[in-house]
Amino acid sequence: SHIMSEYVRMTDTERDQIDQDAQVFMRTCADAIHQLRAEAHKGVQSAQVKEHRTAVLDFVEDYLKRVCKLYSEQRAIRVKRVIDKKRL
């Protein structure tokens, strides 16, 4: 109970700010990946280097998509809780 007494809950405003910042961050990451993909093969002659860069960018893009999906699922849970709380 001592630990719980020191625990401070976040406000809805703080949660909204985190949501907004997370969306901006994910959009920025997606744009950066897109730019890297556009510039990844400039000046590169080796097919192996091109394949490697493509594979790395595919991996990073897939990872970002999984993070975005997880974020969306967590946000949906939060929205559902807010709706359920309003019903009560």
N, C-alpha and C. Protein backbone atom coordinates (compact mmCIF):
# COMPACT_ATOMS: atom_id res chain seq x y z
N SER A 1 0.82 -1.20 0.00
CA SER A 1 0.00 0.00 0.00
C SER A 1 0.86 1.25 0.00
N HIS A 2 2.07 1.16 0.56
CA HIS A 2 2.98 2.30 0.56
C HIS A 2 3.35 2.69 -0.88
N ILE A 3 3.61 1.68 -1.69
CA ILE A 3 3.96 1.95 -3.09
C ILE A 3 2.79 2.58 -3.81
N MET A 4 1.60 2.08 -3.58
CA MET A 4 0.42 2.61 -4.24
C MET A 4 0.12 4.04 -3.82
N SER A 5 0.47 4.41 -2.61
CA SER A 5 0.20 5.78 -2.16
C SER A 5 1.11 6.77 -2.88
N GLU A 6 2.28 6.30 -3.35
CA GLU A 6 3.19 7.18 -4.08
C GLU A 6 2.88 7.21 -5.57
N TYR A 7 2.04 6.29 -5.99
CA TYR A 7 1.68 6.20 -7.41
C TYR A 7 0.73 7.33 -7.77
N VAL A 8 1.09 8.09 -8.78
CA VAL A 8 0.26 9.20 -9.23
C VAL A 8 -0.31 8.84 -10.60
N ARG A 9 -1.60 8.96 -10.73
CA ARG A 9 -2.24 8.64 -12.00
C ARG A 9 -2.07 9.78 -12.99
N MET A 10 -2.00 9.41 -14.24
CA MET A 10 -1.91 10.42 -15.29
C MET A 10 -3.29 11.02 -15.54
N THR A 11 -3.30 12.27 -15.92
CA THR A 11 -4.56 12.91 -16.27
C THR A 11 -4.91 12.58 -17.71
N ASP A 12 -6.16 12.81 -18.07
CA ASP A 12 -6.58 12.58 -19.46
C ASP A 12 -5.84 13.53 -20.40
N THR A 13 -5.56 14.72 -19.94
CA THR A 13 -4.81 15.69 -20.75
C THR A 13 -3.41 15.17 -21.04
N GLU A 14 -2.77 14.58 -20.03
CA GLU A 14 -1.43 14.01 -20.23
C GLU A 14 -1.49 12.83 -21.20
N ARG A 15 -2.50 12.01 -21.07
CA ARG A 15 -2.66 10.87 -21.98
C ARG A 15 -2.88 11.36 -23.41
N ASP A 16 -3.72 12.39 -23.57
CA ASP A 16 -3.97 12.95 -24.89
C ASP A 16 -2.69 13.50 -25.50
N GLN A 17 -1.86 14.15 -24.69
CA GLN A 17 -0.60 14.69 -25.17
C GLN A 17 0.35 13.57 -25.61
N ILE A 18 0.39 12.51 -24.83
CA ILE A 18 1.22 11.37 -25.21
C ILE A 18 0.73 10.76 -26.51
N ASP A 19 -0.59 10.62 -26.67
CA ASP A 19 -1.15 10.10 -27.91
C ASP A 19 -0.77 10.97 -29.10
N GLN A 20 -0.90 12.26 -28.92
CA GLN A 20 -0.56 13.19 -30.00
C GLN A 20 0.93 13.11 -30.34
N ASP A 21 1.78 13.09 -29.33
CA ASP A 21 3.23 13.00 -29.56
C ASP A 21 3.60 11.68 -30.23
N ALA A 22 2.94 10.60 -29.81
CA ALA A 22 3.22 9.29 -30.40
C ALA A 22 2.84 9.25 -31.87
N GLN A 23 1.70 9.84 -32.21
CA GLN A 23 1.28 9.88 -33.60
C GLN A 23 2.24 10.69 -34.46
N VAL A 24 2.69 11.82 -33.94
CA VAL A 24 3.66 12.64 -34.66
C VAL A 24 4.96 11.87 -34.85
N PHE A 25 5.41 11.20 -33.79
CA PHE A 25 6.65 10.43 -33.85
C PHE A 25 6.55 9.30 -34.87
N MET A 26 5.44 8.57 -34.87
CA MET A 26 5.28 7.47 -35.82
C MET A 26 5.23 7.99 -37.26
N ARG A 27 4.57 9.11 -37.46
CA ARG A 27 4.50 9.70 -38.80
C ARG A 27 5.90 10.16 -39.25
N THR A 28 6.65 10.75 -38.32
CA THR A 28 8.01 11.19 -38.62
C THR A 28 8.90 10.00 -38.99
N CYS A 29 8.77 8.92 -38.25
CA CYS A 29 9.55 7.70 -38.54
C CYS A 29 9.19 7.15 -39.91
N ALA A 30 7.91 7.10 -40.23
CA ALA A 30 7.47 6.59 -41.53
C ALA A 30 8.02 7.46 -42.66
N ASP A 31 8.00 8.77 -42.48
CA ASP A 31 8.56 9.68 -43.48
C ASP A 31 10.06 9.48 -43.64
N ALA A 32 10.76 9.28 -42.52
CA ALA A 32 12.21 9.07 -42.56
C ALA A 32 12.54 7.78 -43.31
N ILE A 33 11.78 6.73 -43.05
CA ILE A 33 12.00 5.46 -43.75
C ILE A 33 11.77 5.64 -45.24
N HIS A 34 10.72 6.37 -45.58
CA HIS A 34 10.42 6.62 -47.00
C HIS A 34 11.56 7.39 -47.67
N GLN A 35 12.09 8.40 -47.00
CA GLN A 35 13.21 9.16 -47.54
C GLN A 35 14.46 8.30 -47.68
N LEU A 36 14.73 7.48 -46.66
CA LEU A 36 15.88 6.58 -46.74
C LEU A 36 15.74 5.60 -47.90
N ARG A 37 14.54 5.11 -48.09
CA ARG A 37 14.30 4.17 -49.18
C ARG A 37 14.55 4.84 -50.53
N ALA A 38 14.17 6.10 -50.65
CA ALA A 38 14.37 6.84 -51.90
C ALA A 38 15.85 7.10 -52.17
N GLU A 39 16.64 7.25 -51.11
CA GLU A 39 18.05 7.57 -51.28
C GLU A 39 18.98 6.38 -51.08
N ALA A 40 18.46 5.24 -50.73
CA ALA A 40 19.28 4.08 -50.36
C ALA A 40 20.15 3.56 -51.51
N HIS A 41 19.68 3.72 -52.72
CA HIS A 41 20.40 3.11 -53.84
C HIS A 41 21.16 4.12 -54.70
N LYS A 42 21.12 5.36 -54.32
CA LYS A 42 21.84 6.38 -55.09
C LYS A 42 23.34 6.16 -54.96
N GLY A 43 24.00 6.06 -56.09
CA GLY A 43 25.45 5.92 -56.10
C GLY A 43 25.98 4.56 -55.72
N VAL A 44 25.09 3.59 -55.51
CA VAL A 44 25.53 2.25 -55.12
C VAL A 44 25.54 1.36 -56.36
N GLN A 45 26.67 0.72 -56.60
CA GLN A 45 26.80 -0.14 -57.77
C GLN A 45 26.57 -1.61 -57.43
N SER A 46 26.87 -2.00 -56.22
CA SER A 46 26.81 -3.40 -55.82
C SER A 46 25.37 -3.85 -55.59
N ALA A 47 25.01 -4.95 -56.24
CA ALA A 47 23.67 -5.52 -56.05
C ALA A 47 23.51 -6.03 -54.62
N GLN A 48 24.59 -6.53 -54.05
CA GLN A 48 24.54 -7.05 -52.68
C GLN A 48 24.24 -5.93 -51.68
N VAL A 49 24.86 -4.78 -51.86
CA VAL A 49 24.62 -3.63 -50.98
C VAL A 49 23.17 -3.16 -51.15
N LYS A 50 22.69 -3.11 -52.38
CA LYS A 50 21.30 -2.71 -52.61
C LYS A 50 20.33 -3.66 -51.92
N GLU A 51 20.56 -4.96 -52.06
CA GLU A 51 19.70 -5.95 -51.42
C GLU A 51 19.74 -5.82 -49.90
N HIS A 52 20.94 -5.60 -49.38
CA HIS A 52 21.09 -5.45 -47.93
C HIS A 52 20.31 -4.24 -47.42
N ARG A 53 20.48 -3.11 -48.09
CA ARG A 53 19.78 -1.90 -47.67
C ARG A 53 18.27 -2.07 -47.77
N THR A 54 17.82 -2.71 -48.83
CA THR A 54 16.39 -2.96 -48.99
C THR A 54 15.87 -3.85 -47.86
N ALA A 55 16.63 -4.88 -47.53
CA ALA A 55 16.22 -5.78 -46.46
C ALA A 55 16.18 -5.07 -45.12
N VAL A 56 17.17 -4.23 -44.83
CA VAL A 56 17.19 -3.48 -43.58
C VAL A 56 16.01 -2.53 -43.50
N LEU A 57 15.75 -1.81 -44.59
CA LEU A 57 14.62 -0.88 -44.59
C LEU A 57 13.29 -1.62 -44.48
N ASP A 58 13.18 -2.78 -45.11
CA ASP A 58 11.96 -3.59 -44.97
C ASP A 58 11.76 -4.00 -43.51
N PHE A 59 12.86 -4.41 -42.87
CA PHE A 59 12.79 -4.82 -41.47
C PHE A 59 12.35 -3.66 -40.58
N VAL A 60 12.97 -2.50 -40.78
CA VAL A 60 12.65 -1.33 -39.96
C VAL A 60 11.21 -0.89 -40.19
N GLU A 61 10.78 -0.93 -41.44
CA GLU A 61 9.40 -0.55 -41.75
C GLU A 61 8.41 -1.53 -41.12
N ASP A 62 8.71 -2.82 -41.19
CA ASP A 62 7.86 -3.82 -40.57
C ASP A 62 7.79 -3.63 -39.06
N TYR A 63 8.92 -3.33 -38.46
CA TYR A 63 8.97 -3.09 -37.01
C TYR A 63 8.10 -1.89 -36.64
N LEU A 64 8.20 -0.81 -37.41
CA LEU A 64 7.38 0.37 -37.16
C LEU A 64 5.90 0.03 -37.29
N LYS A 65 5.54 -0.77 -38.28
CA LYS A 65 4.14 -1.16 -38.44
C LYS A 65 3.64 -1.95 -37.24
N ARG A 66 4.49 -2.84 -36.71
CA ARG A 66 4.09 -3.61 -35.53
C ARG A 66 3.94 -2.71 -34.31
N VAL A 67 4.82 -1.73 -34.17
CA VAL A 67 4.72 -0.77 -33.07
C VAL A 67 3.43 0.04 -33.20
N CYS A 68 3.13 0.49 -34.41
CA CYS A 68 1.91 1.26 -34.65
C CYS A 68 0.67 0.43 -34.34
N LYS A 69 0.70 -0.85 -34.69
CA LYS A 69 -0.43 -1.73 -34.41
C LYS A 69 -0.61 -1.89 -32.90
N LEU A 70 0.47 -2.11 -32.19
CA LEU A 70 0.41 -2.24 -30.74
C LEU A 70 -0.12 -0.96 -30.11
N TYR A 71 0.36 0.18 -30.57
CA TYR A 71 -0.11 1.47 -30.07
C TYR A 71 -1.61 1.62 -30.32
N SER A 72 -2.06 1.25 -31.51
CA SER A 72 -3.48 1.37 -31.85
C SER A 72 -4.34 0.49 -30.95
N GLU A 73 -3.84 -0.72 -30.68
CA GLU A 73 -4.58 -1.62 -29.80
C GLU A 73 -4.68 -1.04 -28.39
N GLN A 74 -3.58 -0.49 -27.89
CA GLN A 74 -3.58 0.11 -26.55
C GLN A 74 -4.50 1.32 -26.50
N ARG A 75 -4.48 2.10 -27.53
CA ARG A 75 -5.34 3.29 -27.57
C ARG A 75 -6.81 2.88 -27.64
N ALA A 76 -7.12 1.83 -28.37
CA ALA A 76 -8.49 1.34 -28.46
C ALA A 76 -8.98 0.88 -27.09
N ILE A 77 -8.12 0.25 -26.32
CA ILE A 77 -8.49 -0.16 -24.96
C ILE A 77 -8.80 1.06 -24.12
N ARG A 78 -7.97 2.08 -24.24
CA ARG A 78 -8.20 3.32 -23.47
C ARG A 78 -9.53 3.96 -23.85
N VAL A 79 -9.81 4.04 -25.15
CA VAL A 79 -11.06 4.64 -25.62
C VAL A 79 -12.25 3.83 -25.12
N LYS A 80 -12.13 2.50 -25.16
CA LYS A 80 -13.22 1.64 -24.68
C LYS A 80 -13.47 1.88 -23.20
N ARG A 81 -12.42 2.02 -22.41
CA ARG A 81 -12.59 2.28 -20.98
C ARG A 81 -13.28 3.61 -20.73
N VAL A 82 -12.91 4.62 -21.52
CA VAL A 82 -13.55 5.94 -21.36
C VAL A 82 -15.03 5.84 -21.69
N ILE A 83 -15.35 5.13 -22.76
CA ILE A 83 -16.75 4.97 -23.16
C ILE A 83 -17.52 4.20 -22.08
N ASP A 84 -16.93 3.13 -21.57
CA ASP A 84 -17.57 2.35 -20.52
C ASP A 84 -17.78 3.19 -19.25
N LYS A 85 -16.81 4.02 -18.94
CA LYS A 85 -16.92 4.88 -17.74
C LYS A 85 -18.05 5.90 -17.92
N LYS A 86 -18.21 6.43 -19.13
CA LYS A 86 -19.28 7.39 -19.39
C LYS A 86 -20.65 6.73 -19.30
N ARG A 87 -20.74 5.46 -19.69
CA ARG A 87 -22.01 4.74 -19.63
C ARG A 87 -22.46 4.56 -18.19
N LEU A 88 -21.48 4.36 -17.31
CA LEU A 88 -21.82 4.17 -15.90
C LEU A 88 -22.22 5.49 -15.30
